[in-house]
């Protein structure tokens, strides 16, 4: 009978120990469940972070968003909900085209109430290949219609000045131009291969010499020249038409002087140009 009592006391002690172990586990499980947590989602428009189960107070986390392996957005965020226990952060992206987006966050020991730490090198909270639409084409602004031209005001016509008839002797300030004249003489010789032309005139600017309609020479005439001696080549054995077109300085219409010449053994002649 004594042995049975001893066995009962041992069983009771074992039951008490088991109950205490269960109680300790019950207390530890909520504590583990209360560890700081963070999660994230990514899309073409934004990366959204959610933080929970932090101790009340000032808690600051660090975040980074990379697009195709390059840092797109990064910074620090202080939890602002439920007394610093929670927080939600939206990072705008606005992507177009296809990209690989990764979002991650870490914290502690500094900046967190109880010094709990999540490593910067922990697995990312979110990573995804996103397929975003292309941006819409940019429509250039419409060009406003041009304003109609404004006609300038027409000033009143001034009364015509009375005509003044200058005396026959001329009035100071009025330029009197001398008349433009030109005449030429042609001379040939059987001993020469060229025909010599002598041109006399006034207001001559230039003389263009032609044989049978082909230009052979152009002579510029100085303003002081009144007599010009030139030569043109003459072919053997047939009549040649020699012309001299004279242009004038004062705007008088050009004058063409022509004559026929034959290279032969005849005596020297000096026919006059017509024109």
Protein backbone atom coordinates (compact mmCIF):
# COMPACT_ATOMS: atom_id res chain seq x y z
CA UNK A 1 0.00 0.00 0.00
CA UNK A 2 2.88 2.36 0.76
CA UNK A 3 4.35 1.60 -2.60
CA UNK A 4 1.09 2.61 -4.32
CA UNK A 5 1.09 5.98 -2.58
CA UNK A 6 4.65 6.67 -3.70
CA UNK A 7 3.78 5.81 -7.27
CA UNK A 8 0.79 8.20 -7.16
CA UNK A 9 2.93 11.09 -5.90
CA UNK A 10 5.43 10.55 -8.73
CA UNK A 11 2.65 10.60 -11.31
CA UNK A 12 1.31 13.85 -9.90
CA UNK A 13 4.70 15.50 -10.08
CA UNK A 14 5.08 14.44 -13.72
CA UNK A 15 1.68 15.90 -14.57
CA UNK A 16 2.56 19.20 -12.94
CA UNK A 17 5.82 19.45 -14.88
CA UNK A 18 4.01 18.73 -18.16
CA UNK A 19 1.45 21.40 -17.39
CA UNK A 20 4.16 23.95 -16.67
CA UNK A 21 5.93 23.14 -19.96
CA UNK A 22 2.70 23.66 -21.86
CA UNK A 23 2.17 26.98 -20.12
CA UNK A 24 5.66 28.13 -21.06
CA UNK A 25 5.02 27.17 -24.71
CA UNK A 26 1.71 29.03 -24.67
CA UNK A 27 3.53 32.13 -23.45
CA UNK A 28 6.34 31.81 -25.99
CA UNK A 29 4.16 31.28 -29.09
CA UNK A 30 2.45 34.69 -28.93
CA UNK A 31 5.84 36.31 -28.36
CA UNK A 32 7.18 34.71 -31.51
CA UNK A 33 4.02 35.68 -33.36
CA UNK A 34 4.62 39.28 -32.38
CA UNK A 35 7.96 39.53 -34.32
CA UNK A 36 8.25 42.51 -36.75
CA UNK A 37 6.96 41.72 -40.24
CA UNK A 38 7.16 43.37 -43.64
CA UNK A 39 5.61 42.54 -47.02
CA UNK A 40 5.49 44.14 -50.47
CA UNK A 41 3.80 43.97 -53.86
CA UNK A 42 4.99 45.45 -57.19
CA UNK A 43 3.21 46.57 -60.35
CA UNK A 44 3.75 48.89 -63.34
CA UNK A 45 2.44 51.81 -61.30
CA UNK A 46 4.00 51.39 -57.84
CA UNK A 47 5.72 49.27 -55.20
CA UNK A 48 3.60 48.95 -52.02
CA UNK A 49 5.12 48.06 -48.62
CA UNK A 50 3.23 47.00 -45.46
CA UNK A 51 4.88 46.85 -41.99
CA UNK A 52 3.25 45.34 -38.83
CA UNK A 53 3.87 44.11 -35.29
CA UNK A 54 6.52 46.65 -34.33
CA UNK A 55 6.76 47.87 -30.75
CA UNK A 56 5.02 51.20 -30.12
CA UNK A 57 7.25 54.23 -30.56
CA UNK A 58 9.46 55.61 -33.34
CA UNK A 59 10.36 52.86 -35.82
CA UNK A 60 12.24 53.63 -39.06
CA UNK A 61 12.79 51.18 -41.90
CA UNK A 62 14.90 51.42 -45.06
CA UNK A 63 13.59 50.45 -48.50
CA UNK A 64 14.87 50.07 -52.08
CA UNK A 65 13.17 49.35 -55.43
CA UNK A 66 15.27 48.19 -58.38
CA UNK A 67 14.16 47.99 -62.02
CA UNK A 68 16.15 45.67 -64.29
CA UNK A 69 18.93 45.53 -61.68
CA UNK A 70 19.32 49.32 -61.26
CA UNK A 71 18.14 51.30 -58.23
CA UNK A 72 14.95 53.14 -59.21
CA UNK A 73 13.78 54.46 -55.80
CA UNK A 74 15.25 54.19 -52.26
CA UNK A 75 14.96 55.92 -48.90
CA UNK A 76 13.84 55.74 -45.25
CA UNK A 77 10.29 55.47 -43.95
CA UNK A 78 9.03 56.03 -40.37
CA UNK A 79 5.96 53.98 -39.43
CA UNK A 80 3.01 56.31 -38.80
CA UNK A 81 0.07 54.09 -37.93
CA UNK A 82 -1.14 52.66 -34.62
CA UNK A 83 1.40 54.50 -32.50
CA UNK A 84 4.34 53.48 -34.68
CA UNK A 85 3.41 49.78 -34.64
CA UNK A 86 2.36 49.72 -38.31
CA UNK A 87 2.89 51.56 -41.59
CA UNK A 88 2.06 51.47 -45.30
CA UNK A 89 4.32 52.97 -47.97
CA UNK A 90 3.54 53.37 -51.70
CA UNK A 91 6.49 54.12 -54.00
CA UNK A 92 5.32 55.43 -57.43
CA UNK A 93 6.97 53.83 -60.48
CA UNK A 94 4.99 54.65 -63.65
CA UNK A 95 6.76 52.06 -65.85
CA UNK A 96 6.18 51.40 -69.55
CA UNK A 97 7.33 48.31 -71.41
CA UNK A 98 8.60 45.05 -69.89
CA UNK A 99 10.79 45.13 -66.71
CA UNK A 100 11.98 43.01 -63.77
CA UNK A 101 11.09 44.79 -60.50
CA UNK A 102 12.43 43.92 -57.01
CA UNK A 103 11.26 45.51 -53.72
CA UNK A 104 13.02 45.01 -50.39
CA UNK A 105 13.16 46.56 -46.89
CA UNK A 106 15.31 46.14 -43.76
CA UNK A 107 15.60 47.68 -40.28
CA UNK A 108 17.47 47.78 -36.97
CA UNK A 109 19.17 47.67 -34.73
CA UNK A 110 19.27 51.49 -34.78
CA UNK A 111 15.96 53.24 -35.41
CA UNK A 112 13.80 50.41 -34.02
CA UNK A 113 12.34 50.47 -30.48
CA UNK A 114 13.52 47.06 -29.31
CA UNK A 115 16.57 46.85 -31.60
CA UNK A 116 15.21 43.96 -33.65
CA UNK A 117 17.00 43.62 -37.01
CA UNK A 118 16.18 42.46 -40.53
CA UNK A 119 19.31 42.19 -42.70
CA UNK A 120 19.73 44.25 -45.83
CA UNK A 121 20.77 41.03 -47.55
CA UNK A 122 17.64 39.09 -46.56
CA UNK A 123 15.51 37.74 -49.44
CA UNK A 124 13.49 40.51 -51.14
CA UNK A 125 9.95 41.10 -50.00
CA UNK A 126 8.69 41.07 -53.62
CA UNK A 127 10.09 40.43 -57.10
CA UNK A 128 8.19 40.17 -60.35
CA UNK A 129 8.45 40.51 -64.13
CA UNK A 130 5.95 43.20 -65.13
CA UNK A 131 4.53 43.80 -68.61
CA UNK A 132 3.49 47.42 -68.84
CA UNK A 133 1.71 49.17 -71.75
CA UNK A 134 3.66 51.51 -74.02
CA UNK A 135 3.14 55.23 -73.42
CA UNK A 136 0.48 56.88 -75.62
CA UNK A 137 1.80 58.88 -78.58
CA UNK A 138 2.38 62.54 -77.87
CA UNK A 139 0.06 64.74 -79.90
CA UNK A 140 1.71 68.06 -80.77
CA UNK A 141 -0.31 71.11 -79.83
CA UNK A 142 -2.46 72.50 -82.59
CA UNK A 143 -1.03 75.50 -84.36
CA UNK A 144 -3.29 78.49 -83.84
CA UNK A 145 -4.51 80.10 -87.05
CA UNK A 146 -2.42 82.96 -88.24
CA UNK A 147 -3.84 86.36 -87.54
CA UNK A 148 -4.95 88.16 -90.70
CA UNK A 149 -2.52 90.85 -91.79
CA UNK A 150 -3.43 94.34 -90.74
CA UNK A 151 -3.35 96.74 -93.61
CA UNK A 152 -1.35 99.85 -92.74
CA UNK A 153 -3.25 103.08 -92.63
CA UNK A 154 -2.94 105.01 -95.85
CA UNK A 155 -1.78 108.56 -95.17
CA UNK A 156 -3.63 111.28 -97.02
CA UNK A 157 -2.11 112.11 -100.36
CA UNK A 158 0.00 115.21 -100.34
CA UNK A 159 -0.93 117.99 -102.68
CA UNK A 160 1.20 117.91 -105.82
CA UNK A 161 3.89 120.51 -105.97
CA UNK A 162 3.43 123.10 -108.67
CA UNK A 163 5.37 122.36 -111.81
CA UNK A 164 8.43 124.51 -112.31
CA UNK A 165 9.59 125.06 -115.84
CA UNK A 166 13.37 125.56 -115.88
CA UNK A 167 14.82 128.17 -118.18
CA UNK A 168 16.36 127.05 -121.42
CA UNK A 169 19.87 127.59 -120.02
CA UNK A 170 19.33 124.90 -117.35
CA UNK A 171 18.88 124.88 -113.56
CA UNK A 172 21.45 123.97 -110.91
CA UNK A 173 21.02 120.37 -109.72
CA UNK A 174 19.61 119.06 -113.02
CA UNK A 175 22.01 116.66 -114.83
CA UNK A 176 22.17 117.12 -118.57
CA UNK A 177 23.44 113.97 -120.31
CA UNK A 178 25.37 114.20 -123.51
CA UNK A 179 23.92 112.18 -126.42
CA UNK A 180 25.30 108.70 -127.11
CA UNK A 181 26.77 108.23 -130.58
CA UNK A 182 28.79 105.57 -132.37
CA UNK A 183 30.10 105.12 -135.88
CA UNK A 184 32.72 102.81 -137.30
CA UNK A 185 34.97 102.37 -140.32
CA UNK A 186 36.45 99.11 -141.60
CA UNK A 187 39.80 98.71 -143.35
CA UNK A 188 41.25 95.53 -144.90
CA UNK A 189 44.47 94.64 -146.69
CA UNK A 190 45.56 91.61 -148.67
CA UNK A 191 48.78 91.49 -146.66
CA UNK A 192 46.94 91.11 -143.35
CA UNK A 193 45.01 88.25 -141.78
CA UNK A 194 42.90 90.62 -139.69
CA UNK A 195 40.55 93.50 -140.35
CA UNK A 196 40.99 96.70 -138.45
CA UNK A 197 37.92 98.54 -137.16
CA UNK A 198 37.93 102.11 -135.92
CA UNK A 199 34.96 103.10 -133.75
CA UNK A 200 34.31 106.67 -132.74
CA UNK A 201 31.58 107.78 -130.37
CA UNK A 202 30.52 109.10 -126.97
CA UNK A 203 29.13 107.44 -123.83
CA UNK A 204 30.47 104.05 -125.02
CA UNK A 205 30.67 101.31 -122.32
CA UNK A 206 31.60 98.16 -124.26
CA UNK A 207 31.93 96.81 -127.81
CA UNK A 208 31.14 93.19 -128.75
CA UNK A 209 32.83 92.12 -132.01
CA UNK A 210 31.46 89.23 -134.11
CA UNK A 211 32.39 87.61 -137.42
CA UNK A 212 29.59 85.79 -139.29
CA UNK A 213 27.48 85.88 -136.11
CA UNK A 214 30.16 84.32 -133.87
CA UNK A 215 31.44 86.47 -131.03
CA UNK A 216 35.19 86.81 -131.18
CA UNK A 217 35.96 89.58 -128.76
CA UNK A 218 34.51 91.96 -126.14
CA UNK A 219 36.22 95.27 -125.42
CA UNK A 220 35.53 97.35 -122.29
CA UNK A 221 35.69 101.09 -123.02
CA UNK A 222 36.79 103.63 -120.42
CA UNK A 223 34.58 106.65 -119.83
CA UNK A 224 37.12 109.02 -121.39
CA UNK A 225 37.67 107.04 -124.61
CA UNK A 226 36.23 108.55 -127.78
CA UNK A 227 38.11 106.53 -130.42
CA UNK A 228 38.69 102.76 -130.32
CA UNK A 229 40.94 100.73 -132.68
CA UNK A 230 40.41 96.95 -132.71
CA UNK A 231 41.20 93.99 -135.01
CA UNK A 232 39.21 90.85 -135.84
CA UNK A 233 40.40 87.72 -137.76
CA UNK A 234 39.25 87.35 -141.39
CA UNK A 235 39.10 83.96 -143.21
CA UNK A 236 40.55 83.65 -146.70
CA UNK A 237 38.59 83.48 -149.93
CA UNK A 238 35.01 84.41 -148.98
CA UNK A 239 33.01 87.38 -147.81
CA UNK A 240 32.87 87.91 -144.05
CA UNK A 241 30.19 89.79 -142.14
CA UNK A 242 31.77 91.83 -139.36
CA UNK A 243 29.60 93.44 -136.68
CA UNK A 244 30.28 95.69 -133.71
CA UNK A 245 27.57 95.99 -131.02
CA UNK A 246 28.11 99.14 -128.93
CA UNK A 247 26.54 99.52 -125.44
CA UNK A 248 26.24 102.98 -123.86
CA UNK A 249 26.65 104.25 -120.30
CA UNK A 250 23.61 106.50 -120.19
CA UNK A 251 21.10 103.75 -120.93
CA UNK A 252 20.70 104.50 -124.63
CA UNK A 253 19.69 101.41 -126.57
CA UNK A 254 22.69 99.45 -127.89
CA UNK A 255 23.69 100.05 -131.50
CA UNK A 256 24.96 97.38 -133.93
CA UNK A 257 27.26 98.39 -136.80
CA UNK A 258 27.85 95.85 -139.60
CA UNK A 259 29.90 95.59 -142.81
CA UNK A 260 31.19 92.94 -145.25
CA UNK A 261 34.90 92.32 -145.65
CA UNK A 262 36.89 90.03 -147.99
CA UNK A 263 40.47 89.02 -147.51
CA UNK A 264 41.96 89.39 -150.99
CA UNK A 265 44.64 91.12 -153.07
CA UNK A 266 42.42 94.03 -153.89
CA UNK A 267 43.47 97.56 -153.10
CA UNK A 268 42.77 98.86 -149.62
CA UNK A 269 39.20 100.01 -149.13
CA UNK A 270 37.57 101.78 -146.27
CA UNK A 271 33.82 101.18 -146.54
CA UNK A 272 31.55 102.79 -143.94
CA UNK A 273 29.44 100.76 -141.50
CA UNK A 274 25.68 100.97 -141.77
CA UNK A 275 23.46 101.14 -138.81
